[in-house]
Full PDB file with SEQRES, HELIX, SHEET, SSBOND, CRYST1, ORIGX, SCALE, CONECT and MASTER records, all heavy atoms in Angstrom:
SEQRES   1 A   40  ARG ARG PHE LEU GLU HIS MET GLY ILE THR PRO LYS LYS          
SEQRES   2 A   40  TYR SER ARG LEU ILE ARG VAL ILE HIS CYS LEU ARG GLN          
SEQRES   3 A   40  SER LYS ARG LYS LYS GLN LEU THR GLN LEU ALA TYR GLU          
SEQRES   4 A   40  SER                                                          
HELIX    1 AA1 ARG A    2  HIS A    6  1                                   5    
HELIX    2 AA2 PRO A   11  SER A   27  1                                  17    
HELIX    3 AA3 LEU A   33  GLU A   39  1                                   7    
CRYST1    1.000    1.000    1.000  90.00  90.00  90.00 P 1           1          
ORIGX1      1.000000  0.000000  0.000000        0.00000                         
ORIGX2      0.000000  1.000000  0.000000        0.00000                         
ORIGX3      0.000000  0.000000  1.000000        0.00000                         
SCALE1      1.000000  0.000000  0.000000        0.00000                         
SCALE2      0.000000  1.000000  0.000000        0.00000                         
SCALE3      0.000000  0.000000  1.000000        0.00000                         
ATOM      1  N   ARG A   1      84.407 131.423 157.822  1.00  0.00           N  
ATOM      2  CA  ARG A   1      85.213 132.582 158.226  1.00  0.00           C  
ATOM      3  C   ARG A   1      84.569 133.883 157.794  1.00  0.00           C  
ATOM      4  O   ARG A   1      84.517 134.852 158.561  1.00  0.00           O  
ATOM      5  CB  ARG A   1      86.623 132.459 157.632  1.00  0.00           C  
ATOM      6  CG  ARG A   1      87.532 133.649 157.936  1.00  0.00           C  
ATOM      7  CD  ARG A   1      88.938 133.434 157.409  1.00  0.00           C  
ATOM      8  NE  ARG A   1      88.956 133.124 155.989  1.00  0.00           N  
ATOM      9  CZ  ARG A   1      88.817 134.027 155.009  1.00  0.00           C  
ATOM     10  NH1 ARG A   1      88.632 135.313 155.332  1.00  0.00           N  
ATOM     11  NH2 ARG A   1      88.876 133.667 153.744  1.00  0.00           N  
ATOM     12  N   ARG A   2      84.070 133.909 156.564  1.00  0.00           N  
ATOM     13  CA  ARG A   2      83.484 135.152 156.057  1.00  0.00           C  
ATOM     14  C   ARG A   2      82.186 135.502 156.788  1.00  0.00           C  
ATOM     15  O   ARG A   2      81.905 136.685 157.025  1.00  0.00           O  
ATOM     16  CB  ARG A   2      83.254 135.039 154.548  1.00  0.00           C  
ATOM     17  CG  ARG A   2      84.560 134.984 153.762  1.00  0.00           C  
ATOM     18  CD  ARG A   2      84.343 135.155 152.283  1.00  0.00           C  
ATOM     19  NE  ARG A   2      85.604 135.145 151.566  1.00  0.00           N  
ATOM     20  CZ  ARG A   2      85.735 135.446 150.279  1.00  0.00           C  
ATOM     21  NH1 ARG A   2      84.677 135.763 149.558  1.00  0.00           N  
ATOM     22  NH2 ARG A   2      86.920 135.413 149.698  1.00  0.00           N  
ATOM     23  N   PHE A   3      81.405 134.509 157.147  1.00  0.00           N  
ATOM     24  CA  PHE A   3      80.169 134.787 157.889  1.00  0.00           C  
ATOM     25  C   PHE A   3      80.478 135.313 159.287  1.00  0.00           C  
ATOM     26  O   PHE A   3      79.846 136.267 159.755  1.00  0.00           O  
ATOM     27  CB  PHE A   3      79.285 133.543 157.957  1.00  0.00           C  
ATOM     28  CG  PHE A   3      78.237 133.511 156.886  1.00  0.00           C  
ATOM     29  CD1 PHE A   3      78.583 133.201 155.571  1.00  0.00           C  
ATOM     30  CD2 PHE A   3      76.921 133.831 157.158  1.00  0.00           C  
ATOM     31  CE1 PHE A   3      77.634 133.195 154.565  1.00  0.00           C  
ATOM     32  CE2 PHE A   3      75.964 133.831 156.167  1.00  0.00           C  
ATOM     33  CZ  PHE A   3      76.307 133.507 154.863  1.00  0.00           C  
ATOM     34  N   LEU A   4      81.437 134.704 159.951  1.00  0.00           N  
ATOM     35  CA  LEU A   4      81.802 135.171 161.283  1.00  0.00           C  
ATOM     36  C   LEU A   4      82.373 136.588 161.224  1.00  0.00           C  
ATOM     37  O   LEU A   4      82.104 137.409 162.104  1.00  0.00           O  
ATOM     38  CB  LEU A   4      82.809 134.218 161.915  1.00  0.00           C  
ATOM     39  CG  LEU A   4      82.243 132.869 162.370  1.00  0.00           C  
ATOM     40  CD1 LEU A   4      83.373 131.916 162.760  1.00  0.00           C  
ATOM     41  CD2 LEU A   4      81.279 133.052 163.535  1.00  0.00           C  
ATOM     42  N   GLU A   5      83.120 136.876 160.176  1.00  0.00           N  
ATOM     43  CA  GLU A   5      83.735 138.202 160.032  1.00  0.00           C  
ATOM     44  C   GLU A   5      82.707 139.275 159.693  1.00  0.00           C  
ATOM     45  O   GLU A   5      82.753 140.381 160.246  1.00  0.00           O  
ATOM     46  CB  GLU A   5      84.808 138.154 158.936  1.00  0.00           C  
ATOM     47  CG  GLU A   5      85.513 139.483 158.705  1.00  0.00           C  
ATOM     48  CD  GLU A   5      86.541 139.418 157.595  1.00  0.00           C  
ATOM     49  OE1 GLU A   5      86.792 138.308 157.057  1.00  0.00           O  
ATOM     50  OE2 GLU A   5      87.102 140.474 157.248  1.00  0.00           O  
ATOM     51  N   HIS A   6      81.770 138.969 158.792  1.00  0.00           N  
ATOM     52  CA  HIS A   6      80.865 139.991 158.278  1.00  0.00           C  
ATOM     53  C   HIS A   6      79.471 140.004 158.913  1.00  0.00           C  
ATOM     54  O   HIS A   6      78.789 141.029 158.865  1.00  0.00           O  
ATOM     55  CB  HIS A   6      80.691 139.820 156.767  1.00  0.00           C  
ATOM     56  CG  HIS A   6      81.960 139.988 155.991  1.00  0.00           C  
ATOM     57  ND1 HIS A   6      82.884 140.971 156.267  1.00  0.00           N  
ATOM     58  CD2 HIS A   6      82.470 139.284 154.934  1.00  0.00           C  
ATOM     59  CE1 HIS A   6      83.897 140.869 155.424  1.00  0.00           C  
ATOM     60  NE2 HIS A   6      83.672 139.858 154.612  1.00  0.00           N  
ATOM     61  N   MET A   7      79.051 138.869 159.518  1.00  0.00           N  
ATOM     62  CA  MET A   7      77.721 138.819 160.121  1.00  0.00           C  
ATOM     63  C   MET A   7      77.777 138.510 161.614  1.00  0.00           C  
ATOM     64  O   MET A   7      76.854 138.870 162.356  1.00  0.00           O  
ATOM     65  CB  MET A   7      76.840 137.782 159.405  1.00  0.00           C  
ATOM     66  CG  MET A   7      75.369 137.893 159.749  1.00  0.00           C  
ATOM     67  SD  MET A   7      74.329 136.652 158.899  1.00  0.00           S  
ATOM     68  CE  MET A   7      74.360 137.250 157.210  1.00  0.00           C  
ATOM     69  N   GLY A   8      78.820 137.842 162.041  1.00  0.00           N  
ATOM     70  CA  GLY A   8      78.982 137.557 163.457  1.00  0.00           C  
ATOM     71  C   GLY A   8      78.432 136.219 163.901  1.00  0.00           C  
ATOM     72  O   GLY A   8      78.519 135.871 165.079  1.00  0.00           O  
ATOM     73  N   ILE A   9      77.835 135.447 162.980  1.00  0.00           N  
ATOM     74  CA  ILE A   9      77.367 134.099 163.286  1.00  0.00           C  
ATOM     75  C   ILE A   9      77.772 133.164 162.153  1.00  0.00           C  
ATOM     76  O   ILE A   9      78.130 133.616 161.058  1.00  0.00           O  
ATOM     77  CB  ILE A   9      75.829 134.030 163.498  1.00  0.00           C  
ATOM     78  CG1 ILE A   9      75.077 134.446 162.229  1.00  0.00           C  
ATOM     79  CG2 ILE A   9      75.407 134.880 164.678  1.00  0.00           C  
ATOM     80  CD1 ILE A   9      73.568 134.274 162.336  1.00  0.00           C  
ATOM     81  N   THR A  10      77.709 131.861 162.388  1.00  0.00           N  
ATOM     82  CA  THR A  10      78.083 130.885 161.362  1.00  0.00           C  
ATOM     83  C   THR A  10      76.983 130.772 160.312  1.00  0.00           C  
ATOM     84  O   THR A  10      75.813 131.080 160.583  1.00  0.00           O  
ATOM     85  CB  THR A  10      78.319 129.503 161.984  1.00  0.00           C  
ATOM     86  OG1 THR A  10      77.066 129.022 162.514  1.00  0.00           O  
ATOM     87  CG2 THR A  10      79.359 129.558 163.083  1.00  0.00           C  
ATOM     88  N   PRO A  11      77.304 130.306 159.102  1.00  0.00           N  
ATOM     89  CA  PRO A  11      76.265 130.108 158.080  1.00  0.00           C  
ATOM     90  C   PRO A  11      75.227 129.075 158.518  1.00  0.00           C  
ATOM     91  O   PRO A  11      74.053 129.192 158.161  1.00  0.00           O  
ATOM     92  CB  PRO A  11      77.054 129.637 156.853  1.00  0.00           C  
ATOM     93  CG  PRO A  11      78.372 129.169 157.377  1.00  0.00           C  
ATOM     94  CD  PRO A  11      78.652 130.001 158.588  1.00  0.00           C  
ATOM     95  N   LYS A  12      75.646 128.079 159.294  1.00  0.00           N  
ATOM     96  CA  LYS A  12      74.693 127.079 159.784  1.00  0.00           C  
ATOM     97  C   LYS A  12      73.680 127.717 160.721  1.00  0.00           C  
ATOM     98  O   LYS A  12      72.469 127.443 160.630  1.00  0.00           O  
ATOM     99  CB  LYS A  12      75.442 125.948 160.501  1.00  0.00           C  
ATOM    100  CG  LYS A  12      74.533 124.824 160.978  1.00  0.00           C  
ATOM    101  CD  LYS A  12      75.332 123.691 161.611  1.00  0.00           C  
ATOM    102  CE  LYS A  12      74.406 122.575 162.077  1.00  0.00           C  
ATOM    103  NZ  LYS A  12      75.174 121.448 162.691  1.00  0.00           N  
ATOM    104  N   LYS A  13      74.151 128.577 161.605  1.00  0.00           N  
ATOM    105  CA  LYS A  13      73.247 129.245 162.538  1.00  0.00           C  
ATOM    106  C   LYS A  13      72.331 130.209 161.794  1.00  0.00           C  
ATOM    107  O   LYS A  13      71.137 130.332 162.120  1.00  0.00           O  
ATOM    108  CB  LYS A  13      74.061 129.998 163.600  1.00  0.00           C  
ATOM    109  CG  LYS A  13      73.239 130.487 164.780  1.00  0.00           C  
ATOM    110  CD  LYS A  13      74.139 130.983 165.901  1.00  0.00           C  
ATOM    111  CE  LYS A  13      73.336 131.326 167.149  1.00  0.00           C  
ATOM    112  NZ  LYS A  13      74.214 131.742 168.264  1.00  0.00           N  
ATOM    113  N   TYR A  14      72.864 130.887 160.782  1.00  0.00           N  
ATOM    114  CA  TYR A  14      72.035 131.810 159.999  1.00  0.00           C  
ATOM    115  C   TYR A  14      70.968 131.033 159.225  1.00  0.00           C  
ATOM    116  O   TYR A  14      69.814 131.455 159.160  1.00  0.00           O  
ATOM    117  CB  TYR A  14      72.905 132.621 159.038  1.00  0.00           C  
ATOM    118  CG  TYR A  14      72.143 133.722 158.345  1.00  0.00           C  
ATOM    119  CD1 TYR A  14      71.483 134.702 159.079  1.00  0.00           C  
ATOM    120  CD2 TYR A  14      72.073 133.789 156.954  1.00  0.00           C  
ATOM    121  CE1 TYR A  14      70.767 135.711 158.455  1.00  0.00           C  
ATOM    122  CE2 TYR A  14      71.370 134.800 156.320  1.00  0.00           C  
ATOM    123  CZ  TYR A  14      70.716 135.761 157.075  1.00  0.00           C  
ATOM    124  OH  TYR A  14      70.004 136.755 156.443  1.00  0.00           O  
ATOM    125  N   SER A  15      71.341 129.894 158.668  1.00  0.00           N  
ATOM    126  CA  SER A  15      70.377 129.071 157.943  1.00  0.00           C  
ATOM    127  C   SER A  15      69.246 128.617 158.862  1.00  0.00           C  
ATOM    128  O   SER A  15      68.064 128.639 158.485  1.00  0.00           O  
ATOM    129  CB  SER A  15      71.071 127.844 157.339  1.00  0.00           C  
ATOM    130  OG  SER A  15      72.010 128.225 156.369  1.00  0.00           O  
ATOM    131  N   ARG A  16      69.610 128.199 160.053  1.00  0.00           N  
ATOM    132  CA  ARG A  16      68.592 127.771 161.012  1.00  0.00           C  
ATOM    133  C   ARG A  16      67.652 128.920 161.361  1.00  0.00           C  
ATOM    134  O   ARG A  16      66.437 128.748 161.443  1.00  0.00           O  
ATOM    135  CB  ARG A  16      69.281 127.244 162.285  1.00  0.00           C  
ATOM    136  CG  ARG A  16      68.312 126.724 163.327  1.00  0.00           C  
ATOM    137  CD  ARG A  16      69.030 126.383 164.620  1.00  0.00           C  
ATOM    138  NE  ARG A  16      68.115 125.927 165.628  1.00  0.00           N  
ATOM    139  CZ  ARG A  16      68.346 126.042 166.922  1.00  0.00           C  
ATOM    140  NH1 ARG A  16      69.464 126.605 167.360  1.00  0.00           N  
ATOM    141  NH2 ARG A  16      67.453 125.600 167.805  1.00  0.00           N  
ATOM    142  N   LEU A  17      68.227 130.095 161.551  1.00  0.00           N  
ATOM    143  CA  LEU A  17      67.437 131.280 161.877  1.00  0.00           C  
ATOM    144  C   LEU A  17      66.467 131.609 160.746  1.00  0.00           C  
ATOM    145  O   LEU A  17      65.276 131.878 160.984  1.00  0.00           O  
ATOM    146  CB  LEU A  17      68.386 132.450 162.128  1.00  0.00           C  
ATOM    147  CG  LEU A  17      67.873 133.656 162.900  1.00  0.00           C  
ATOM    148  CD1 LEU A  17      67.420 133.258 164.292  1.00  0.00           C  
ATOM    149  CD2 LEU A  17      68.969 134.714 162.978  1.00  0.00           C  
ATOM    150  N   ILE A  18      66.956 131.578 159.509  1.00  0.00           N  
ATOM    151  CA  ILE A  18      66.120 131.883 158.351  1.00  0.00           C  
ATOM    152  C   ILE A  18      64.984 130.868 158.227  1.00  0.00           C  
ATOM    153  O   ILE A  18      63.839 131.223 157.924  1.00  0.00           O  
ATOM    154  CB  ILE A  18      66.970 131.888 157.058  1.00  0.00           C  
ATOM    155  CG1 ILE A  18      67.927 133.086 157.054  1.00  0.00           C  
ATOM    156  CG2 ILE A  18      66.085 131.901 155.825  1.00  0.00           C  
ATOM    157  CD1 ILE A  18      67.237 134.428 157.035  1.00  0.00           C  
ATOM    158  N   ARG A  19      65.283 129.610 158.472  1.00  0.00           N  
ATOM    159  CA  ARG A  19      64.263 128.571 158.355  1.00  0.00           C  
ATOM    160  C   ARG A  19      63.165 128.768 159.401  1.00  0.00           C  
ATOM    161  O   ARG A  19      61.973 128.663 159.088  1.00  0.00           O  
ATOM    162  CB  ARG A  19      64.898 127.186 158.493  1.00  0.00           C  
ATOM    163  CG  ARG A  19      63.923 126.055 158.288  1.00  0.00           C  
ATOM    164  CD  ARG A  19      64.573 124.754 157.911  1.00  0.00           C  
ATOM    165  NE  ARG A  19      65.385 124.174 158.956  1.00  0.00           N  
ATOM    166  CZ  ARG A  19      65.656 122.874 159.063  1.00  0.00           C  
ATOM    167  NH1 ARG A  19      65.185 122.025 158.159  1.00  0.00           N  
ATOM    168  NH2 ARG A  19      66.407 122.419 160.037  1.00  0.00           N  
ATOM    169  N   VAL A  20      63.551 129.073 160.629  1.00  0.00           N  
ATOM    170  CA  VAL A  20      62.569 129.298 161.693  1.00  0.00           C  
ATOM    171  C   VAL A  20      61.715 130.527 161.399  1.00  0.00           C  
ATOM    172  O   VAL A  20      60.485 130.500 161.539  1.00  0.00           O  
ATOM    173  CB  VAL A  20      63.282 129.445 163.055  1.00  0.00           C  
ATOM    174  CG1 VAL A  20      62.332 130.008 164.111  1.00  0.00           C  
ATOM    175  CG2 VAL A  20      63.826 128.099 163.513  1.00  0.00           C  
ATOM    176  N   ILE A  21      62.352 131.619 160.963  1.00  0.00           N  
ATOM    177  CA  ILE A  21      61.609 132.848 160.672  1.00  0.00           C  
ATOM    178  C   ILE A  21      60.628 132.610 159.516  1.00  0.00           C  
ATOM    179  O   ILE A  21      59.486 133.094 159.542  1.00  0.00           O  
ATOM    180  CB  ILE A  21      62.582 133.998 160.342  1.00  0.00           C  
ATOM    181  CG1 ILE A  21      63.360 134.386 161.603  1.00  0.00           C  
ATOM    182  CG2 ILE A  21      61.836 135.210 159.783  1.00  0.00           C  
ATOM    183  CD1 ILE A  21      64.547 135.297 161.347  1.00  0.00           C  
ATOM    184  N   HIS A  22      61.045 131.858 158.513  1.00  0.00           N  
ATOM    185  CA  HIS A  22      60.147 131.519 157.401  1.00  0.00           C  
ATOM    186  C   HIS A  22      58.918 130.763 157.918  1.00  0.00           C  
ATOM    187  O   HIS A  22      57.788 131.058 157.517  1.00  0.00           O  
ATOM    188  CB  HIS A  22      60.890 130.676 156.369  1.00  0.00           C  
ATOM    189  CG  HIS A  22      60.011 130.133 155.291  1.00  0.00           C  
ATOM    190  ND1 HIS A  22      59.483 130.931 154.288  1.00  0.00           N  
ATOM    191  CD2 HIS A  22      59.552 128.864 155.053  1.00  0.00           C  
ATOM    192  CE1 HIS A  22      58.745 130.186 153.487  1.00  0.00           C  
ATOM    193  NE2 HIS A  22      58.768 128.941 153.930  1.00  0.00           N  
ATOM    194  N   CYS A  23      59.143 129.824 158.811  1.00  0.00           N  
ATOM    195  CA  CYS A  23      58.030 129.052 159.375  1.00  0.00           C  
ATOM    196  C   CYS A  23      57.078 129.953 160.157  1.00  0.00           C  
ATOM    197  O   CYS A  23      55.846 129.795 160.075  1.00  0.00           O  
ATOM    198  CB  CYS A  23      58.552 127.945 160.276  1.00  0.00           C  
ATOM    199  SG  CYS A  23      59.405 126.622 159.406  1.00  0.00           S  
ATOM    200  N   LEU A  24      57.625 130.885 160.921  1.00  0.00           N  
ATOM    201  CA  LEU A  24      56.787 131.791 161.702  1.00  0.00           C  
ATOM    202  C   LEU A  24      55.928 132.654 160.793  1.00  0.00           C  
ATOM    203  O   LEU A  24      54.752 132.900 161.081  1.00  0.00           O  
ATOM    204  CB  LEU A  24      57.665 132.683 162.591  1.00  0.00           C  
ATOM    205  CG  LEU A  24      58.482 131.978 163.679  1.00  0.00           C  
ATOM    206  CD1 LEU A  24      59.293 132.990 164.470  1.00  0.00           C  
ATOM    207  CD2 LEU A  24      57.589 131.173 164.604  1.00  0.00           C  
ATOM    208  N   ARG A  25      56.504 133.098 159.680  1.00  0.00           N  
ATOM    209  CA  ARG A  25      55.737 133.926 158.743  1.00  0.00           C  
ATOM    210  C   ARG A  25      54.657 133.106 158.035  1.00  0.00           C  
ATOM    211  O   ARG A  25      53.574 133.596 157.740  1.00  0.00           O  
ATOM    212  CB  ARG A  25      56.679 134.572 157.729  1.00  0.00           C  
ATOM    213  CG  ARG A  25      57.505 135.690 158.337  1.00  0.00           C  
ATOM    214  CD  ARG A  25      58.523 136.250 157.382  1.00  0.00           C  
ATOM    215  NE  ARG A  25      59.192 137.409 157.959  1.00  0.00           N  
ATOM    216  CZ  ARG A  25      60.387 137.846 157.597  1.00  0.00           C  
ATOM    217  NH1 ARG A  25      61.055 137.228 156.655  1.00  0.00           N  
ATOM    218  NH2 ARG A  25      60.921 138.904 158.190  1.00  0.00           N  
ATOM    219  N   GLN A  26      54.962 131.843 157.774  1.00  0.00           N  
ATOM    220  CA  GLN A  26      53.984 130.972 157.112  1.00  0.00           C  
ATOM    221  C   GLN A  26      52.864 130.564 158.054  1.00  0.00           C  
ATOM    222  O   GLN A  26      51.761 130.260 157.602  1.00  0.00           O  
ATOM    223  CB  GLN A  26      54.684 129.714 156.586  1.00  0.00           C  
ATOM    224  CG  GLN A  26      55.633 129.952 155.433  1.00  0.00           C  
ATOM    225  CD  GLN A  26      54.932 130.481 154.198  1.00  0.00           C  
ATOM    226  OE1 GLN A  26      53.946 129.907 153.745  1.00  0.00           O  
ATOM    227  NE2 GLN A  26      55.422 131.589 153.669  1.00  0.00           N  
ATOM    228  N   SER A  27      53.128 130.571 159.359  1.00  0.00           N  
ATOM    229  CA  SER A  27      52.129 130.094 160.316  1.00  0.00           C  
ATOM    230  C   SER A  27      50.863 130.946 160.313  1.00  0.00           C  
ATOM    231  O   SER A  27      49.793 130.473 160.657  1.00  0.00           O  
ATOM    232  CB  SER A  27      52.720 130.052 161.728  1.00  0.00           C  
ATOM    233  OG  SER A  27      52.987 131.364 162.214  1.00  0.00           O  
ATOM    234  N   LYS A  28      50.978 132.218 159.899  1.00  0.00           N  
ATOM    235  CA  LYS A  28      49.785 133.075 159.881  1.00  0.00           C  
ATOM    236  C   LYS A  28      48.807 132.667 158.776  1.00  0.00           C  
ATOM    237  O   LYS A  28      47.671 133.107 158.768  1.00  0.00           O  
ATOM    238  CB  LYS A  28      50.186 134.540 159.713  1.00  0.00           C  
ATOM    239  CG  LYS A  28      50.765 134.913 158.356  1.00  0.00           C  
ATOM    240  CD  LYS A  28      51.129 136.390 158.316  1.00  0.00           C  
ATOM    241  CE  LYS A  28      51.746 136.799 156.987  1.00  0.00           C  
ATOM    242  NZ  LYS A  28      52.125 138.219 156.957  1.00  0.00           N  
ATOM    243  N   ARG A  29      49.261 131.817 157.866  1.00  0.00           N  
ATOM    244  CA  ARG A  29      48.383 131.323 156.814  1.00  0.00           C  
ATOM    245  C   ARG A  29      47.582 130.102 157.270  1.00  0.00           C  
ATOM    246  O   ARG A  29      46.940 129.436 156.453  1.00  0.00           O  
ATOM    247  CB  ARG A  29      49.206 130.970 155.574  1.00  0.00           C  
ATOM    248  CG  ARG A  29      49.941 132.172 155.006  1.00  0.00           C  
ATOM    249  CD  ARG A  29      50.676 131.821 153.721  1.00  0.00           C  
ATOM    250  NE  ARG A  29      51.405 132.963 153.187  1.00  0.00           N  
ATOM    251  CZ  ARG A  29      52.132 132.940 152.089  1.00  0.00           C  
ATOM    252  NH1 ARG A  29      52.240 131.820 151.387  1.00  0.00           N  
ATOM    253  NH2 ARG A  29      52.767 134.029 151.678  1.00  0.00           N  
ATOM    254  N   LYS A  30      47.656 129.818 158.563  1.00  0.00           N  
ATOM    255  CA  LYS A  30      46.866 128.741 159.185  1.00  0.00           C  
ATOM    256  C   LYS A  30      47.212 127.364 158.638  1.00  0.00           C  
ATOM    257  O   LYS A  30      46.374 126.471 158.581  1.00  0.00           O  
ATOM    258  CB  LYS A  30      45.358 129.002 159.006  1.00  0.00           C  
ATOM    259  CG  LYS A  30      44.894 130.395 159.381  1.00  0.00           C  
ATOM    260  CD  LYS A  30      45.130 130.695 160.853  1.00  0.00           C  
ATOM    261  CE  LYS A  30      44.619 132.082 161.223  1.00  0.00           C  
ATOM    262  NZ  LYS A  30      44.919 132.453 162.612  1.00  0.00           N  
ATOM    263  N   LYS A  31      48.470 127.184 158.232  1.00  0.00           N  
ATOM    264  CA  LYS A  31      48.872 125.871 157.741  1.00  0.00           C  
ATOM    265  C   LYS A  31      49.023 124.904 158.912  1.00  0.00           C  
ATOM    266  O   LYS A  31      49.346 125.301 160.033  1.00  0.00           O  
ATOM    267  CB  LYS A  31      50.196 125.961 156.983  1.00  0.00           C  
ATOM    268  CG  LYS A  31      50.099 126.674 155.650  1.00  0.00           C  
ATOM    269  CD  LYS A  31      51.430 126.581 154.913  1.00  0.00           C  
ATOM    270  CE  LYS A  31      51.342 127.226 153.531  1.00  0.00           C  
ATOM    271  NZ  LYS A  31      52.619 127.092 152.787  1.00  0.00           N  
ATOM    272  N   GLN A  32      48.796 123.633 158.665  1.00  0.00           N  
ATOM    273  CA  GLN A  32      49.002 122.608 159.671  1.00  0.00           C  
ATOM    274  C   GLN A  32      50.489 122.497 159.995  1.00  0.00           C  
ATOM    275  O   GLN A  32      51.349 122.667 159.122  1.00  0.00           O  
ATOM    276  CB  GLN A  32      48.470 121.267 159.173  1.00  0.00           C  
ATOM    277  CG  GLN A  32      46.956 121.221 158.993  1.00  0.00           C  
ATOM    278  CD  GLN A  32      46.218 121.345 160.313  1.00  0.00           C  
ATOM    279  OE1 GLN A  32      46.637 120.789 161.325  1.00  0.00           O  
ATOM    280  NE2 GLN A  32      45.117 122.079 160.304  1.00  0.00           N  
ATOM    281  N   LEU A  33      50.799 122.172 161.274  1.00  0.00           N  
ATOM    282  CA  LEU A  33      52.199 122.047 161.676  1.00  0.00           C  
ATOM    283  C   LEU A  33      52.923 120.982 160.866  1.00  0.00           C  
ATOM    284  O   LEU A  33      54.089 121.149 160.493  1.00  0.00           O  
ATOM    285  CB  LEU A  33      52.283 121.719 163.165  1.00  0.00           C  
ATOM    286  CG  LEU A  33      51.812 122.810 164.140  1.00  0.00           C  
ATOM    287  CD1 LEU A  33      52.061 122.356 165.569  1.00  0.00           C  
ATOM    288  CD2 LEU A  33      52.516 124.119 163.874  1.00  0.00           C  
ATOM    289  N   THR A  34      52.225 119.891 160.568  1.00  0.00           N  
ATOM    290  CA  THR A  34      52.842 118.812 159.790  1.00  0.00           C  
ATOM    291  C   THR A  34      53.248 119.315 158.414  1.00  0.00           C  
ATOM    292  O   THR A  34      54.329 118.995 157.914  1.00  0.00           O  
ATOM    293  CB  THR A  34      51.862 117.633 159.643  1.00  0.00           C  
ATOM    294  OG1 THR A  34      51.446 117.221 160.944  1.00  0.00           O  
ATOM    295  CG2 THR A  34      52.518 116.473 158.919  1.00  0.00           C  
ATOM    296  N   GLN A  35      52.384 120.118 157.790  1.00  0.00           N  
ATOM    297  CA  GLN A  35      52.675 120.660 156.465  1.00  0.00           C  
ATOM    298  C   GLN A  35      53.853 121.625 156.520  1.00  0.00           C  
ATOM    299  O   GLN A  35      54.741 121.585 155.656  1.00  0.00           O  
ATOM    300  CB  GLN A  35      51.440 121.373 155.906  1.00  0.00           C  
ATOM    301  CG  GLN A  35      51.638 121.919 154.492  1.00  0.00           C  
ATOM    302  CD  GLN A  35      50.426 122.689 153.986  1.00  0.00           C  
ATOM    303  OE1 GLN A  35      49.412 122.786 154.670  1.00  0.00           O  
ATOM    304  NE2 GLN A  35      50.543 123.238 152.789  1.00  0.00           N  
ATOM    305  N   LEU A  36      53.878 122.504 157.552  1.00  0.00           N  
ATOM    306  CA  LEU A  36      54.983 123.449 157.694  1.00  0.00           C  
ATOM    307  C   LEU A  36      56.310 122.719 157.897  1.00  0.00           C  
ATOM    308  O   LEU A  36      57.329 123.086 157.318  1.00  0.00           O  
ATOM    309  CB  LEU A  36      54.727 124.375 158.886  1.00  0.00           C  
ATOM    310  CG  LEU A  36      53.870 125.613 158.637  1.00  0.00           C  
ATOM    311  CD1 LEU A  36      53.627 126.345 159.942  1.00  0.00           C  
ATOM    312  CD2 LEU A  36      54.524 126.542 157.635  1.00  0.00           C  
ATOM    313  N   ALA A  37      56.294 121.674 158.717  1.00  0.00           N  
ATOM    314  CA  ALA A  37      57.506 120.904 158.976  1.00  0.00           C  
ATOM    315  C   ALA A  37      58.009 120.247 157.705  1.00  0.00           C  
ATOM    316  O   ALA A  37      59.209 120.251 157.408  1.00  0.00           O  
ATOM    317  CB  ALA A  37      57.231 119.850 160.051  1.00  0.00           C  
ATOM    318  N   TYR A  38      57.085 119.701 156.918  1.00  0.00           N  
ATOM    319  CA  TYR A  38      57.447 119.032 155.669  1.00  0.00           C  
ATOM    320  C   TYR A  38      58.031 120.044 154.674  1.00  0.00           C  
ATOM    321  O   TYR A  38      59.082 119.799 154.069  1.00  0.00           O  
ATOM    322  CB  TYR A  38      56.227 118.341 155.071  1.00  0.00           C  
ATOM    323  CG  TYR A  38      56.455 117.780 153.690  1.00  0.00           C  
ATOM    324  CD1 TYR A  38      57.151 116.580 153.511  1.00  0.00           C  
ATOM    325  CD2 TYR A  38      55.982 118.445 152.552  1.00  0.00           C  
ATOM    326  CE1 TYR A  38      57.377 116.066 152.239  1.00  0.00           C  
ATOM    327  CE2 TYR A  38      56.209 117.939 151.282  1.00  0.00           C  
ATOM    328  CZ  TYR A  38      56.900 116.748 151.136  1.00  0.00           C  
ATOM    329  OH  TYR A  38      57.125 116.253 149.880  1.00  0.00           O  
ATOM    330  N   GLU A  39      57.358 121.174 154.502  1.00  0.00           N  
ATOM    331  CA  GLU A  39      57.811 122.188 153.546  1.00  0.00           C  
ATOM    332  C   GLU A  39      59.173 122.766 153.932  1.00  0.00           C  
ATOM    333  O   GLU A  39      59.937 123.199 153.061  1.00  0.00           O  
ATOM    334  CB  GLU A  39      56.774 123.309 153.446  1.00  0.00           C  
ATOM    335  CG  GLU A  39      55.477 122.881 152.772  1.00  0.00           C  
ATOM    336  CD  GLU A  39      54.448 123.995 152.757  1.00  0.00           C  
ATOM    337  OE1 GLU A  39      54.714 125.058 153.359  1.00  0.00           O  
ATOM    338  OE2 GLU A  39      53.379 123.800 152.143  1.00  0.00           O  
ATOM    339  N   SER A  40      59.455 122.797 155.237  1.00  0.00           N  
ATOM    340  CA  SER A  40      60.718 123.373 155.715  1.00  0.00           C  
ATOM    341  C   SER A  40      61.812 122.325 155.877  1.00  0.00           C  
ATOM    342  O   SER A  40      62.883 122.615 156.413  1.00  0.00           O  
ATOM    343  CB  SER A  40      60.479 124.086 157.052  1.00  0.00           C  
ATOM    344  OG  SER A  40      59.490 125.079 156.910  1.00  0.00           O  
TER     345      SER A  40                                                      
MASTER        0    0    0    3    0    0    0    6  344    1    0    4          
END                                                                             
């Protein structure tokens, strides 16, 4: 309820978004996809 009220999305959706954005930022370090998937 608080996430929908104050951010407009669910905490699950926000968590997914944060995880994807973290992976995108890590990808510039030339890590293997398998390693990125494991770390995330």
